Amino acid sequence: MTIIYQQLAYEQRCQISALKKSGCSQMEIAEIIGASQSTVSRELARNTGASTRPNR
């Protein structure tokens, strides 16, 4: 089985942000944009400004 990786488009990143602000869960967002929940989770962590490694 071959896994094809694809970067999120700018529009998808904006859509993730808007959907999260409207109260959608990560799973709902993933289904809407056609990406995995893990991808959505990483994108939100990357762009929220919150550090995943505090005190560093």
Protein backbone atom coordinates (compact mmCIF):
# COMPACT_ATOMS: atom_id res chain seq x y z
CA MET A 1 0.00 0.00 0.00
CA THR A 2 1.39 3.37 -1.01
CA ILE A 3 0.65 6.43 1.08
CA ILE A 4 0.49 9.70 -0.82
CA TYR A 5 1.30 12.77 1.24
CA GLN A 6 -0.11 16.11 0.23
CA GLN A 7 0.38 19.53 1.80
CA LEU A 8 -2.62 21.54 2.86
CA ALA A 9 -3.52 24.41 0.57
CA TYR A 10 -3.78 27.93 2.00
CA GLU A 11 -7.56 27.77 1.60
CA GLN A 12 -7.70 24.56 3.65
CA ARG A 13 -5.64 26.18 6.41
CA CYS A 14 -8.04 29.13 6.50
CA GLN A 15 -11.00 26.75 6.51
CA ILE A 16 -9.53 24.80 9.46
CA SER A 17 -9.13 28.01 11.42
CA ALA A 18 -12.65 29.23 10.64
CA LEU A 19 -14.25 25.87 11.45
CA LYS A 20 -12.39 25.62 14.76
CA LYS A 21 -13.50 29.13 15.72
CA SER A 22 -17.10 28.16 14.92
CA GLY A 23 -16.86 25.26 17.38
CA CYS A 24 -16.29 22.23 15.14
CA SER A 25 -14.32 19.31 16.53
CA GLN A 26 -11.08 18.17 14.92
CA MET A 27 -12.82 15.07 13.56
CA GLU A 28 -15.60 17.15 11.99
CA ILE A 29 -13.05 19.49 10.43
CA ALA A 30 -11.08 16.54 9.06
CA GLU A 31 -14.17 15.10 7.40
CA ILE A 32 -15.13 18.47 5.89
CA ILE A 33 -11.72 19.24 4.36
CA GLY A 34 -10.86 15.65 3.45
CA ALA A 35 -7.80 15.25 5.65
CA SER A 36 -6.97 13.06 8.63
CA GLN A 37 -7.71 14.14 12.18
CA SER A 38 -3.98 13.98 12.85
CA THR A 39 -3.30 16.50 10.08
CA VAL A 40 -5.91 18.87 11.50
CA SER A 41 -4.47 18.45 14.99
CA ARG A 42 -0.93 19.26 13.81
CA GLU A 43 -2.13 22.27 11.84
CA LEU A 44 -4.01 23.68 14.82
CA ALA A 45 -1.04 23.11 17.13
CA ARG A 46 1.31 24.72 14.63
CA ASN A 47 -0.79 27.85 14.16
CA THR A 48 -2.38 28.60 17.51
CA GLY A 49 0.67 30.30 18.95
CA ALA A 50 0.60 27.97 21.94
CA SER A 51 3.83 26.15 22.62
CA THR A 52 3.75 22.39 23.00
CA ARG A 53 6.97 22.65 25.01
CA PRO A 54 6.45 25.26 27.73
CA ASN A 55 9.41 26.60 29.70
CA ARG A 56 11.81 26.17 26.81
